[in-house]
Amino acid sequence: SNYCADSVKGRFTISRDKAKNTVYLQMNSL
């Protein structure tokens, strides 16, 4: 389950890879 601030909603996406113990932040339309 994920949440984004209003300032980045629709442009940024948070995700995670549990096997790699890694979280990502995909930033578009910077």
mmCIF file of all heavy atoms, coordinates in Angstrom:
data_MODEL
# 
_entry.id   MODEL 
# 
loop_
_atom_site.group_PDB 
_atom_site.id 
_atom_site.type_symbol 
_atom_site.label_atom_id 
_atom_site.label_alt_id 
_atom_site.label_comp_id 
_atom_site.label_asym_id 
_atom_site.label_entity_id 
_atom_site.label_seq_id 
_atom_site.pdbx_PDB_ins_code 
_atom_site.Cartn_x 
_atom_site.Cartn_y 
_atom_site.Cartn_z 
_atom_site.occupancy 
_atom_site.B_iso_or_equiv 
_atom_site.pdbx_formal_charge 
_atom_site.auth_seq_id 
_atom_site.auth_comp_id 
_atom_site.auth_asym_id 
_atom_site.auth_atom_id 
_atom_site.pdbx_PDB_model_num 
ATOM 1   N N   . SER A 1 1  ? 0.845  -1.189  0.000   1.00 0.00 ? 1  SER A N   1 
ATOM 2   C CA  . SER A 1 1  ? 0.000  0.000   0.000   1.00 0.00 ? 1  SER A CA  1 
ATOM 3   C C   . SER A 1 1  ? 0.878  1.236   0.000   1.00 0.00 ? 1  SER A C   1 
ATOM 4   O O   . SER A 1 1  ? 1.836  1.326   0.771   1.00 0.00 ? 1  SER A O   1 
ATOM 5   C CB  . SER A 1 1  ? -0.910 0.012   1.223   1.00 0.00 ? 1  SER A CB  1 
ATOM 6   O OG  . SER A 1 1  ? -1.766 -1.118  1.221   1.00 0.00 ? 1  SER A OG  1 
ATOM 7   N N   . ASN A 1 2  ? 0.563  2.183   -0.860  1.00 0.00 ? 2  ASN A N   1 
ATOM 8   C CA  . ASN A 1 2  ? 1.452  3.325   -0.996  1.00 0.00 ? 2  ASN A CA  1 
ATOM 9   C C   . ASN A 1 2  ? 0.694  4.637   -1.081  1.00 0.00 ? 2  ASN A C   1 
ATOM 10  O O   . ASN A 1 2  ? -0.491 4.681   -1.434  1.00 0.00 ? 2  ASN A O   1 
ATOM 11  C CB  . ASN A 1 2  ? 2.384  3.157   -2.205  1.00 0.00 ? 2  ASN A CB  1 
ATOM 12  C CG  . ASN A 1 2  ? 1.620  3.018   -3.502  1.00 0.00 ? 2  ASN A CG  1 
ATOM 13  O OD1 . ASN A 1 2  ? 1.302  4.016   -4.145  1.00 0.00 ? 2  ASN A OD1 1 
ATOM 14  N ND2 . ASN A 1 2  ? 1.329  1.784   -3.895  1.00 0.00 ? 2  ASN A ND2 1 
ATOM 15  N N   . TYR A 1 3  ? 1.413  5.711   -0.772  1.00 0.00 ? 3  TYR A N   1 
ATOM 16  C CA  . TYR A 1 3  ? 0.831  7.046   -0.693  1.00 0.00 ? 3  TYR A CA  1 
ATOM 17  C C   . TYR A 1 3  ? 1.832  8.051   -1.235  1.00 0.00 ? 3  TYR A C   1 
ATOM 18  O O   . TYR A 1 3  ? 3.037  7.877   -1.087  1.00 0.00 ? 3  TYR A O   1 
ATOM 19  C CB  . TYR A 1 3  ? 0.487  7.403   0.755   1.00 0.00 ? 3  TYR A CB  1 
ATOM 20  C CG  . TYR A 1 3  ? -0.310 6.343   1.464   1.00 0.00 ? 3  TYR A CG  1 
ATOM 21  C CD1 . TYR A 1 3  ? 0.332  5.277   2.092   1.00 0.00 ? 3  TYR A CD1 1 
ATOM 22  C CD2 . TYR A 1 3  ? -1.695 6.398   1.499   1.00 0.00 ? 3  TYR A CD2 1 
ATOM 23  C CE1 . TYR A 1 3  ? -0.398 4.295   2.739   1.00 0.00 ? 3  TYR A CE1 1 
ATOM 24  C CE2 . TYR A 1 3  ? -2.434 5.420   2.143   1.00 0.00 ? 3  TYR A CE2 1 
ATOM 25  C CZ  . TYR A 1 3  ? -1.776 4.366   2.760   1.00 0.00 ? 3  TYR A CZ  1 
ATOM 26  O OH  . TYR A 1 3  ? -2.500 3.394   3.400   1.00 0.00 ? 3  TYR A OH  1 
ATOM 27  N N   . CYS A 1 4  ? 1.329  9.101   -1.838  1.00 0.00 ? 4  CYS A N   1 
ATOM 28  C CA  . CYS A 1 4  ? 2.172  10.172  -2.350  1.00 0.00 ? 4  CYS A CA  1 
ATOM 29  C C   . CYS A 1 4  ? 1.651  11.526  -1.881  1.00 0.00 ? 4  CYS A C   1 
ATOM 30  O O   . CYS A 1 4  ? 0.447  11.718  -1.717  1.00 0.00 ? 4  CYS A O   1 
ATOM 31  C CB  . CYS A 1 4  ? 2.212  10.163  -3.869  1.00 0.00 ? 4  CYS A CB  1 
ATOM 32  S SG  . CYS A 1 4  ? 3.156  8.809   -4.597  1.00 0.00 ? 4  CYS A SG  1 
ATOM 33  N N   . ALA A 1 5  ? 2.566  12.450  -1.698  1.00 0.00 ? 5  ALA A N   1 
ATOM 34  C CA  . ALA A 1 5  ? 2.182  13.812  -1.381  1.00 0.00 ? 5  ALA A CA  1 
ATOM 35  C C   . ALA A 1 5  ? 1.456  14.437  -2.565  1.00 0.00 ? 5  ALA A C   1 
ATOM 36  O O   . ALA A 1 5  ? 1.703  14.080  -3.722  1.00 0.00 ? 5  ALA A O   1 
ATOM 37  C CB  . ALA A 1 5  ? 3.418  14.637  -1.023  1.00 0.00 ? 5  ALA A CB  1 
ATOM 38  N N   . ASP A 1 6  ? 0.564  15.378  -2.273  1.00 0.00 ? 6  ASP A N   1 
ATOM 39  C CA  . ASP A 1 6  ? -0.198 16.031  -3.332  1.00 0.00 ? 6  ASP A CA  1 
ATOM 40  C C   . ASP A 1 6  ? 0.713  16.708  -4.351  1.00 0.00 ? 6  ASP A C   1 
ATOM 41  O O   . ASP A 1 6  ? 0.382  16.764  -5.541  1.00 0.00 ? 6  ASP A O   1 
ATOM 42  C CB  . ASP A 1 6  ? -1.155 17.060  -2.736  1.00 0.00 ? 6  ASP A CB  1 
ATOM 43  C CG  . ASP A 1 6  ? -2.308 16.419  -1.992  1.00 0.00 ? 6  ASP A CG  1 
ATOM 44  O OD1 . ASP A 1 6  ? -2.584 15.225  -2.212  1.00 0.00 ? 6  ASP A OD1 1 
ATOM 45  O OD2 . ASP A 1 6  ? -2.946 17.125  -1.188  1.00 0.00 ? 6  ASP A OD2 1 
ATOM 46  N N   . SER A 1 7  ? 1.853  17.201  -3.903  1.00 0.00 ? 7  SER A N   1 
ATOM 47  C CA  . SER A 1 7  ? 2.750  17.922  -4.787  1.00 0.00 ? 7  SER A CA  1 
ATOM 48  C C   . SER A 1 7  ? 3.369  17.049  -5.869  1.00 0.00 ? 7  SER A C   1 
ATOM 49  O O   . SER A 1 7  ? 3.839  17.567  -6.885  1.00 0.00 ? 7  SER A O   1 
ATOM 50  C CB  . SER A 1 7  ? 3.858  18.599  -3.972  1.00 0.00 ? 7  SER A CB  1 
ATOM 51  O OG  . SER A 1 7  ? 4.616  17.637  -3.257  1.00 0.00 ? 7  SER A OG  1 
ATOM 52  N N   . VAL A 1 8  ? 3.389  15.727  -5.655  1.00 0.00 ? 8  VAL A N   1 
ATOM 53  C CA  . VAL A 1 8  ? 4.007  14.832  -6.627  1.00 0.00 ? 8  VAL A CA  1 
ATOM 54  C C   . VAL A 1 8  ? 3.042  13.795  -7.173  1.00 0.00 ? 8  VAL A C   1 
ATOM 55  O O   . VAL A 1 8  ? 3.420  13.001  -8.050  1.00 0.00 ? 8  VAL A O   1 
ATOM 56  C CB  . VAL A 1 8  ? 5.241  14.117  -6.029  1.00 0.00 ? 8  VAL A CB  1 
ATOM 57  C CG1 . VAL A 1 8  ? 6.245  15.133  -5.515  1.00 0.00 ? 8  VAL A CG1 1 
ATOM 58  C CG2 . VAL A 1 8  ? 4.824  13.157  -4.917  1.00 0.00 ? 8  VAL A CG2 1 
ATOM 59  N N   . LYS A 1 9  ? 1.812  13.779  -6.687  1.00 0.00 ? 9  LYS A N   1 
ATOM 60  C CA  . LYS A 1 9  ? 0.830  12.791  -7.112  1.00 0.00 ? 9  LYS A CA  1 
ATOM 61  C C   . LYS A 1 9  ? 0.614  12.871  -8.620  1.00 0.00 ? 9  LYS A C   1 
ATOM 62  O O   . LYS A 1 9  ? 0.450  13.952  -9.183  1.00 0.00 ? 9  LYS A O   1 
ATOM 63  C CB  . LYS A 1 9  ? -0.479 13.004  -6.360  1.00 0.00 ? 9  LYS A CB  1 
ATOM 64  C CG  . LYS A 1 9  ? -1.454 11.847  -6.457  1.00 0.00 ? 9  LYS A CG  1 
ATOM 65  C CD  . LYS A 1 9  ? -2.613 12.035  -5.473  1.00 0.00 ? 9  LYS A CD  1 
ATOM 66  C CE  . LYS A 1 9  ? -2.110 12.058  -4.035  1.00 0.00 ? 9  LYS A CE  1 
ATOM 67  N NZ  . LYS A 1 9  ? -3.238 12.229  -3.065  1.00 0.00 ? 9  LYS A NZ  1 
ATOM 68  N N   . GLY A 1 10 ? 0.621  11.713  -9.261  1.00 0.00 ? 10 GLY A N   1 
ATOM 69  C CA  . GLY A 1 10 ? 0.470  11.650  -10.704 1.00 0.00 ? 10 GLY A CA  1 
ATOM 70  C C   . GLY A 1 10 ? 1.783  11.713  -11.451 1.00 0.00 ? 10 GLY A C   1 
ATOM 71  O O   . GLY A 1 10 ? 1.820  11.408  -12.651 1.00 0.00 ? 10 GLY A O   1 
ATOM 72  N N   . ARG A 1 11 ? 2.857  12.100  -10.776 1.00 0.00 ? 11 ARG A N   1 
ATOM 73  C CA  . ARG A 1 11 ? 4.172  12.190  -11.396 1.00 0.00 ? 11 ARG A CA  1 
ATOM 74  C C   . ARG A 1 11 ? 5.169  11.196  -10.801 1.00 0.00 ? 11 ARG A C   1 
ATOM 75  O O   . ARG A 1 11 ? 5.993  10.641  -11.518 1.00 0.00 ? 11 ARG A O   1 
ATOM 76  C CB  . ARG A 1 11 ? 4.742  13.603  -11.260 1.00 0.00 ? 11 ARG A CB  1 
ATOM 77  C CG  . ARG A 1 11 ? 3.896  14.679  -11.926 1.00 0.00 ? 11 ARG A CG  1 
ATOM 78  C CD  . ARG A 1 11 ? 4.614  16.018  -11.930 1.00 0.00 ? 11 ARG A CD  1 
ATOM 79  N NE  . ARG A 1 11 ? 4.866  16.510  -10.574 1.00 0.00 ? 11 ARG A NE  1 
ATOM 80  C CZ  . ARG A 1 11 ? 6.083  16.786  -10.101 1.00 0.00 ? 11 ARG A CZ  1 
ATOM 81  N NH1 . ARG A 1 11 ? 7.156  16.625  -10.864 1.00 0.00 ? 11 ARG A NH1 1 
ATOM 82  N NH2 . ARG A 1 11 ? 6.224  17.240  -8.861  1.00 0.00 ? 11 ARG A NH2 1 
ATOM 83  N N   . PHE A 1 12 ? 5.100  10.988  -9.488  1.00 0.00 ? 12 PHE A N   1 
ATOM 84  C CA  . PHE A 1 12 ? 6.028  10.094  -8.794  1.00 0.00 ? 12 PHE A CA  1 
ATOM 85  C C   . PHE A 1 12 ? 5.310  8.813   -8.391  1.00 0.00 ? 12 PHE A C   1 
ATOM 86  O O   . PHE A 1 12 ? 4.122  8.826   -8.052  1.00 0.00 ? 12 PHE A O   1 
ATOM 87  C CB  . PHE A 1 12 ? 6.580  10.746  -7.526  1.00 0.00 ? 12 PHE A CB  1 
ATOM 88  C CG  . PHE A 1 12 ? 7.513  11.907  -7.752  1.00 0.00 ? 12 PHE A CG  1 
ATOM 89  C CD1 . PHE A 1 12 ? 7.681  12.476  -9.005  1.00 0.00 ? 12 PHE A CD1 1 
ATOM 90  C CD2 . PHE A 1 12 ? 8.229  12.421  -6.679  1.00 0.00 ? 12 PHE A CD2 1 
ATOM 91  C CE1 . PHE A 1 12 ? 8.534  13.544  -9.199  1.00 0.00 ? 12 PHE A CE1 1 
ATOM 92  C CE2 . PHE A 1 12 ? 9.089  13.491  -6.862  1.00 0.00 ? 12 PHE A CE2 1 
ATOM 93  C CZ  . PHE A 1 12 ? 9.242  14.055  -8.118  1.00 0.00 ? 12 PHE A CZ  1 
ATOM 94  N N   . THR A 1 13 ? 6.044  7.706   -8.383  1.00 0.00 ? 13 THR A N   1 
ATOM 95  C CA  . THR A 1 13 ? 5.516  6.423   -7.950  1.00 0.00 ? 13 THR A CA  1 
ATOM 96  C C   . THR A 1 13 ? 6.523  5.730   -7.045  1.00 0.00 ? 13 THR A C   1 
ATOM 97  O O   . THR A 1 13 ? 7.696  5.614   -7.402  1.00 0.00 ? 13 THR A O   1 
ATOM 98  C CB  . THR A 1 13 ? 5.209  5.507   -9.147  1.00 0.00 ? 13 THR A CB  1 
ATOM 99  O OG1 . THR A 1 13 ? 4.283  6.154   -10.025 1.00 0.00 ? 13 THR A OG1 1 
ATOM 100 C CG2 . THR A 1 13 ? 4.615  4.186   -8.670  1.00 0.00 ? 13 THR A CG2 1 
ATOM 101 N N   . ILE A 1 14 ? 6.064  5.265   -5.884  1.00 0.00 ? 14 ILE A N   1 
ATOM 102 C CA  . ILE A 1 14 ? 6.914  4.513   -4.979  1.00 0.00 ? 14 ILE A CA  1 
ATOM 103 C C   . ILE A 1 14 ? 6.604  3.028   -5.129  1.00 0.00 ? 14 ILE A C   1 
ATOM 104 O O   . ILE A 1 14 ? 5.445  2.637   -5.297  1.00 0.00 ? 14 ILE A O   1 
ATOM 105 C CB  . ILE A 1 14 ? 6.742  4.981   -3.513  1.00 0.00 ? 14 ILE A CB  1 
ATOM 106 C CG1 . ILE A 1 14 ? 7.769  4.301   -2.608  1.00 0.00 ? 14 ILE A CG1 1 
ATOM 107 C CG2 . ILE A 1 14 ? 5.321  4.737   -3.031  1.00 0.00 ? 14 ILE A CG2 1 
ATOM 108 C CD1 . ILE A 1 14 ? 7.809  4.873   -1.190  1.00 0.00 ? 14 ILE A CD1 1 
ATOM 109 N N   . SER A 1 15 ? 7.631  2.198   -5.066  1.00 0.00 ? 15 SER A N   1 
ATOM 110 C CA  . SER A 1 15 ? 7.458  0.755   -5.164  1.00 0.00 ? 15 SER A CA  1 
ATOM 111 C C   . SER A 1 15 ? 8.564  0.065   -4.386  1.00 0.00 ? 15 SER A C   1 
ATOM 112 O O   . SER A 1 15 ? 9.518  0.717   -3.952  1.00 0.00 ? 15 SER A O   1 
ATOM 113 C CB  . SER A 1 15 ? 7.461  0.293   -6.624  1.00 0.00 ? 15 SER A CB  1 
ATOM 114 O OG  . SER A 1 15 ? 8.698  0.578   -7.249  1.00 0.00 ? 15 SER A OG  1 
ATOM 115 N N   . ARG A 1 16 ? 8.437  -1.250  -4.192  1.00 0.00 ? 16 ARG A N   1 
ATOM 116 C CA  . ARG A 1 16 ? 9.485  -1.981  -3.503  1.00 0.00 ? 16 ARG A CA  1 
ATOM 117 C C   . ARG A 1 16 ? 9.668  -3.360  -4.101  1.00 0.00 ? 16 ARG A C   1 
ATOM 118 O O   . ARG A 1 16 ? 8.738  -3.936  -4.674  1.00 0.00 ? 16 ARG A O   1 
ATOM 119 C CB  . ARG A 1 16 ? 9.216  -2.089  -1.987  1.00 0.00 ? 16 ARG A CB  1 
ATOM 120 C CG  . ARG A 1 16 ? 8.369  -3.294  -1.542  1.00 0.00 ? 16 ARG A CG  1 
ATOM 121 C CD  . ARG A 1 16 ? 6.911  -3.037  -1.728  1.00 0.00 ? 16 ARG A CD  1 
ATOM 122 N NE  . ARG A 1 16 ? 6.069  -4.011  -1.043  1.00 0.00 ? 16 ARG A NE  1 
ATOM 123 C CZ  . ARG A 1 16 ? 5.387  -4.950  -1.656  1.00 0.00 ? 16 ARG A CZ  1 
ATOM 124 N NH1 . ARG A 1 16 ? 5.446  -5.056  -2.990  1.00 0.00 ? 16 ARG A NH1 1 
ATOM 125 N NH2 . ARG A 1 16 ? 4.618  -5.778  -0.972  1.00 0.00 ? 16 ARG A NH2 1 
ATOM 126 N N   . ASP A 1 17 ? 10.881 -3.880  -3.973  1.00 0.00 ? 17 ASP A N   1 
ATOM 127 C CA  . ASP A 1 17 ? 11.237 -5.230  -4.364  1.00 0.00 ? 17 ASP A CA  1 
ATOM 128 C C   . ASP A 1 17 ? 11.644 -5.946  -3.088  1.00 0.00 ? 17 ASP A C   1 
ATOM 129 O O   . ASP A 1 17 ? 12.741 -5.725  -2.571  1.00 0.00 ? 17 ASP A O   1 
ATOM 130 C CB  . ASP A 1 17 ? 12.373 -5.218  -5.387  1.00 0.00 ? 17 ASP A CB  1 
ATOM 131 C CG  . ASP A 1 17 ? 12.685 -6.592  -5.942  1.00 0.00 ? 17 ASP A CG  1 
ATOM 132 O OD1 . ASP A 1 17 ? 12.535 -7.595  -5.216  1.00 0.00 ? 17 ASP A OD1 1 
ATOM 133 O OD2 . ASP A 1 17 ? 13.094 -6.671  -7.114  1.00 0.00 ? 17 ASP A OD2 1 
ATOM 134 N N   . LYS A 1 18 ? 10.769 -6.783  -2.569  1.00 0.00 ? 18 LYS A N   1 
ATOM 135 C CA  . LYS A 1 18 ? 11.011 -7.428  -1.289  1.00 0.00 ? 18 LYS A CA  1 
ATOM 136 C C   . LYS A 1 18 ? 12.223 -8.364  -1.336  1.00 0.00 ? 18 LYS A C   1 
ATOM 137 O O   . LYS A 1 18 ? 12.966 -8.463  -0.360  1.00 0.00 ? 18 LYS A O   1 
ATOM 138 C CB  . LYS A 1 18 ? 9.765  -8.187  -0.840  1.00 0.00 ? 18 LYS A CB  1 
ATOM 139 C CG  . LYS A 1 18 ? 8.563  -7.274  -0.594  1.00 0.00 ? 18 LYS A CG  1 
ATOM 140 C CD  . LYS A 1 18 ? 7.303  -8.053  -0.261  1.00 0.00 ? 18 LYS A CD  1 
ATOM 141 C CE  . LYS A 1 18 ? 7.364  -8.664  1.119   1.00 0.00 ? 18 LYS A CE  1 
ATOM 142 N NZ  . LYS A 1 18 ? 6.068  -9.297  1.483   1.00 0.00 ? 18 LYS A NZ  1 
ATOM 143 N N   . ALA A 1 19 ? 12.426 -9.033  -2.454  1.00 0.00 ? 19 ALA A N   1 
ATOM 144 C CA  . ALA A 1 19 ? 13.556 -9.953  -2.579  1.00 0.00 ? 19 ALA A CA  1 
ATOM 145 C C   . ALA A 1 19 ? 14.888 -9.224  -2.505  1.00 0.00 ? 19 ALA A C   1 
ATOM 146 O O   . ALA A 1 19 ? 15.883 -9.782  -2.044  1.00 0.00 ? 19 ALA A O   1 
ATOM 147 C CB  . ALA A 1 19 ? 13.458 -10.745 -3.877  1.00 0.00 ? 19 ALA A CB  1 
ATOM 148 N N   . LYS A 1 20 ? 14.918 -7.981  -2.965  1.00 0.00 ? 20 LYS A N   1 
ATOM 149 C CA  . LYS A 1 20 ? 16.148 -7.195  -2.972  1.00 0.00 ? 20 LYS A CA  1 
ATOM 150 C C   . LYS A 1 20 ? 16.247 -6.223  -1.803  1.00 0.00 ? 20 LYS A C   1 
ATOM 151 O O   . LYS A 1 20 ? 17.241 -5.497  -1.696  1.00 0.00 ? 20 LYS A O   1 
ATOM 152 C CB  . LYS A 1 20 ? 16.266 -6.413  -4.276  1.00 0.00 ? 20 LYS A CB  1 
ATOM 153 C CG  . LYS A 1 20 ? 16.398 -7.278  -5.516  1.00 0.00 ? 20 LYS A CG  1 
ATOM 154 C CD  . LYS A 1 20 ? 16.537 -6.418  -6.761  1.00 0.00 ? 20 LYS A CD  1 
ATOM 155 C CE  . LYS A 1 20 ? 16.711 -7.272  -7.999  1.00 0.00 ? 20 LYS A CE  1 
ATOM 156 N NZ  . LYS A 1 20 ? 16.851 -6.445  -9.228  1.00 0.00 ? 20 LYS A NZ  1 
ATOM 157 N N   . ASN A 1 21 ? 15.237 -6.205  -0.951  1.00 0.00 ? 21 ASN A N   1 
ATOM 158 C CA  . ASN A 1 21 ? 15.196 -5.253  0.164   1.00 0.00 ? 21 ASN A CA  1 
ATOM 159 C C   . ASN A 1 21 ? 15.439 -3.828  -0.329  1.00 0.00 ? 21 ASN A C   1 
ATOM 160 O O   . ASN A 1 21 ? 16.208 -3.068  0.262   1.00 0.00 ? 21 ASN A O   1 
ATOM 161 C CB  . ASN A 1 21 ? 16.221 -5.621  1.243   1.00 0.00 ? 21 ASN A CB  1 
ATOM 162 C CG  . ASN A 1 21 ? 15.808 -6.830  2.048   1.00 0.00 ? 21 ASN A CG  1 
ATOM 163 O OD1 . ASN A 1 21 ? 14.630 -7.021  2.342   1.00 0.00 ? 21 ASN A OD1 1 
ATOM 164 N ND2 . ASN A 1 21 ? 16.778 -7.653  2.415   1.00 0.00 ? 21 ASN A ND2 1 
ATOM 165 N N   . THR A 1 22 ? 14.757 -3.483  -1.395  1.00 0.00 ? 22 THR A N   1 
ATOM 166 C CA  . THR A 1 22 ? 14.985 -2.205  -2.050  1.00 0.00 ? 22 THR A CA  1 
ATOM 167 C C   . THR A 1 22 ? 13.662 -1.494  -2.318  1.00 0.00 ? 22 THR A C   1 
ATOM 168 O O   . THR A 1 22 ? 12.691 -2.119  -2.737  1.00 0.00 ? 22 THR A O   1 
ATOM 169 C CB  . THR A 1 22 ? 15.745 -2.393  -3.372  1.00 0.00 ? 22 THR A CB  1 
ATOM 170 O OG1 . THR A 1 22 ? 17.019 -2.997  -3.102  1.00 0.00 ? 22 THR A OG1 1 
ATOM 171 C CG2 . THR A 1 22 ? 15.966 -1.067  -4.074  1.00 0.00 ? 22 THR A CG2 1 
ATOM 172 N N   . VAL A 1 23 ? 13.652 -0.193  -2.092  1.00 0.00 ? 23 VAL A N   1 
ATOM 173 C CA  . VAL A 1 23 ? 12.506 0.639   -2.415  1.00 0.00 ? 23 VAL A CA  1 
ATOM 174 C C   . VAL A 1 23 ? 12.925 1.623   -3.497  1.00 0.00 ? 23 VAL A C   1 
ATOM 175 O O   . VAL A 1 23 ? 14.077 2.064   -3.531  1.00 0.00 ? 23 VAL A O   1 
ATOM 176 C CB  . VAL A 1 23 ? 11.968 1.367   -1.160  1.00 0.00 ? 23 VAL A CB  1 
ATOM 177 C CG1 . VAL A 1 23 ? 12.995 2.338   -0.600  1.00 0.00 ? 23 VAL A CG1 1 
ATOM 178 C CG2 . VAL A 1 23 ? 10.664 2.084   -1.478  1.00 0.00 ? 23 VAL A CG2 1 
ATOM 179 N N   . TYR A 1 24 ? 11.996 1.954   -4.390  1.00 0.00 ? 24 TYR A N   1 
ATOM 180 C CA  . TYR A 1 24 ? 12.280 2.823   -5.510  1.00 0.00 ? 24 TYR A CA  1 
ATOM 181 C C   . TYR A 1 24 ? 11.356 4.037   -5.503  1.00 0.00 ? 24 TYR A C   1 
ATOM 182 O O   . TYR A 1 24 ? 10.236 3.995   -4.991  1.00 0.00 ? 24 TYR A O   1 
ATOM 183 C CB  . TYR A 1 24 ? 12.093 2.086   -6.837  1.00 0.00 ? 24 TYR A CB  1 
ATOM 184 C CG  . TYR A 1 24 ? 12.922 0.834   -6.969  1.00 0.00 ? 24 TYR A CG  1 
ATOM 185 C CD1 . TYR A 1 24 ? 12.380 -0.410  -6.661  1.00 0.00 ? 24 TYR A CD1 1 
ATOM 186 C CD2 . TYR A 1 24 ? 14.239 0.893   -7.404  1.00 0.00 ? 24 TYR A CD2 1 
ATOM 187 C CE1 . TYR A 1 24 ? 13.130 -1.564  -6.783  1.00 0.00 ? 24 TYR A CE1 1 
ATOM 188 C CE2 . TYR A 1 24 ? 14.996 -0.259  -7.526  1.00 0.00 ? 24 TYR A CE2 1 
ATOM 189 C CZ  . TYR A 1 24 ? 14.441 -1.482  -7.218  1.00 0.00 ? 24 TYR A CZ  1 
ATOM 190 O OH  . TYR A 1 24 ? 15.193 -2.629  -7.336  1.00 0.00 ? 24 TYR A OH  1 
ATOM 191 N N   . LEU A 1 25 ? 11.833 5.102   -6.106  1.00 0.00 ? 25 LEU A N   1 
ATOM 192 C CA  . LEU A 1 25 ? 11.000 6.262   -6.368  1.00 0.00 ? 25 LEU A CA  1 
ATOM 193 C C   . LEU A 1 25 ? 11.169 6.628   -7.834  1.00 0.00 ? 25 LEU A C   1 
ATOM 194 O O   . LEU A 1 25 ? 12.216 7.138   -8.232  1.00 0.00 ? 25 LEU A O   1 
ATOM 195 C CB  . LEU A 1 25 ? 11.381 7.444   -5.474  1.00 0.00 ? 25 LEU A CB  1 
ATOM 196 C CG  . LEU A 1 25 ? 10.489 8.671   -5.611  1.00 0.00 ? 25 LEU A CG  1 
ATOM 197 C CD1 . LEU A 1 25 ? 9.084  8.377   -5.085  1.00 0.00 ? 25 LEU A CD1 1 
ATOM 198 C CD2 . LEU A 1 25 ? 11.085 9.872   -4.886  1.00 0.00 ? 25 LEU A CD2 1 
ATOM 199 N N   . GLN A 1 26 ? 10.153 6.332   -8.631  1.00 0.00 ? 26 GLN A N   1 
ATOM 200 C CA  . GLN A 1 26 ? 10.156 6.695   -10.038 1.00 0.00 ? 26 GLN A CA  1 
ATOM 201 C C   . GLN A 1 26 ? 9.610  8.105   -10.169 1.00 0.00 ? 26 GLN A C   1 
ATOM 202 O O   . GLN A 1 26 ? 8.472  8.373   -9.782  1.00 0.00 ? 26 GLN A O   1 
ATOM 203 C CB  . GLN A 1 26 ? 9.305  5.721   -10.850 1.00 0.00 ? 26 GLN A CB  1 
ATOM 204 C CG  . GLN A 1 26 ? 9.230  6.040   -12.329 1.00 0.00 ? 26 GLN A CG  1 
ATOM 205 C CD  . GLN A 1 26 ? 10.555 5.890   -13.032 1.00 0.00 ? 26 GLN A CD  1 
ATOM 206 O OE1 . GLN A 1 26 ? 11.244 4.885   -12.859 1.00 0.00 ? 26 GLN A OE1 1 
ATOM 207 N NE2 . GLN A 1 26 ? 10.931 6.885   -13.824 1.00 0.00 ? 26 GLN A NE2 1 
ATOM 208 N N   . MET A 1 27 ? 10.409 9.006   -10.714 1.00 0.00 ? 27 MET A N   1 
ATOM 209 C CA  . MET A 1 27 ? 10.043 10.404  -10.831 1.00 0.00 ? 27 MET A CA  1 
ATOM 210 C C   . MET A 1 27 ? 9.933  10.769  -12.305 1.00 0.00 ? 27 MET A C   1 
ATOM 211 O O   . MET A 1 27 ? 10.912 10.696  -13.045 1.00 0.00 ? 27 MET A O   1 
ATOM 212 C CB  . MET A 1 27 ? 11.072 11.296  -10.143 1.00 0.00 ? 27 MET A CB  1 
ATOM 213 C CG  . MET A 1 27 ? 11.319 10.934  -8.681  1.00 0.00 ? 27 MET A CG  1 
ATOM 214 S SD  . MET A 1 27 ? 12.439 12.090  -7.843  1.00 0.00 ? 27 MET A SD  1 
ATOM 215 C CE  . MET A 1 27 ? 13.951 11.749  -8.740  1.00 0.00 ? 27 MET A CE  1 
ATOM 216 N N   . ASN A 1 28 ? 8.741  11.150  -12.721 1.00 0.00 ? 28 ASN A N   1 
ATOM 217 C CA  . ASN A 1 28 ? 8.479  11.557  -14.092 1.00 0.00 ? 28 ASN A CA  1 
ATOM 218 C C   . ASN A 1 28 ? 8.039  13.012  -14.123 1.00 0.00 ? 28 ASN A C   1 
ATOM 219 O O   . ASN A 1 28 ? 7.638  13.578  -13.112 1.00 0.00 ? 28 ASN A O   1 
ATOM 220 C CB  . ASN A 1 28 ? 7.394  10.679  -14.715 1.00 0.00 ? 28 ASN A CB  1 
ATOM 221 C CG  . ASN A 1 28 ? 7.773  9.218   -14.789 1.00 0.00 ? 28 ASN A CG  1 
ATOM 222 O OD1 . ASN A 1 28 ? 8.931  8.870   -15.017 1.00 0.00 ? 28 ASN A OD1 1 
ATOM 223 N ND2 . ASN A 1 28 ? 6.787  8.341   -14.610 1.00 0.00 ? 28 ASN A ND2 1 
ATOM 224 N N   . SER A 1 29 ? 8.101  13.601  -15.301 1.00 0.00 ? 29 SER A N   1 
ATOM 225 C CA  . SER A 1 29 ? 7.678  14.994  -15.493 1.00 0.00 ? 29 SER A CA  1 
ATOM 226 C C   . SER A 1 29 ? 8.306  15.916  -14.456 1.00 0.00 ? 29 SER A C   1 
ATOM 227 O O   . SER A 1 29 ? 7.632  16.733  -13.824 1.00 0.00 ? 29 SER A O   1 
ATOM 228 C CB  . SER A 1 29 ? 6.149  15.093  -15.448 1.00 0.00 ? 29 SER A CB  1 
ATOM 229 O OG  . SER A 1 29 ? 5.553  14.277  -16.433 1.00 0.00 ? 29 SER A OG  1 
ATOM 230 N N   . LEU A 1 30 ? 9.594  15.792  -14.281 1.00 0.00 ? 30 LEU A N   1 
ATOM 231 C CA  . LEU A 1 30 ? 10.294 16.554  -13.246 1.00 0.00 ? 30 LEU A CA  1 
ATOM 232 C C   . LEU A 1 30 ? 10.240 18.052  -13.520 1.00 0.00 ? 30 LEU A C   1 
ATOM 233 O O   . LEU A 1 30 ? 10.312 18.488  -14.664 1.00 0.00 ? 30 LEU A O   1 
ATOM 234 C CB  . LEU A 1 30 ? 11.738 16.089  -13.146 1.00 0.00 ? 30 LEU A CB  1 
ATOM 235 C CG  . LEU A 1 30 ? 11.913 14.761  -12.403 1.00 0.00 ? 30 LEU A CG  1 
ATOM 236 C CD1 . LEU A 1 30 ? 13.264 14.140  -12.717 1.00 0.00 ? 30 LEU A CD1 1 
ATOM 237 C CD2 . LEU A 1 30 ? 11.758 14.980  -10.904 1.00 0.00 ? 30 LEU A CD2 1 
# 
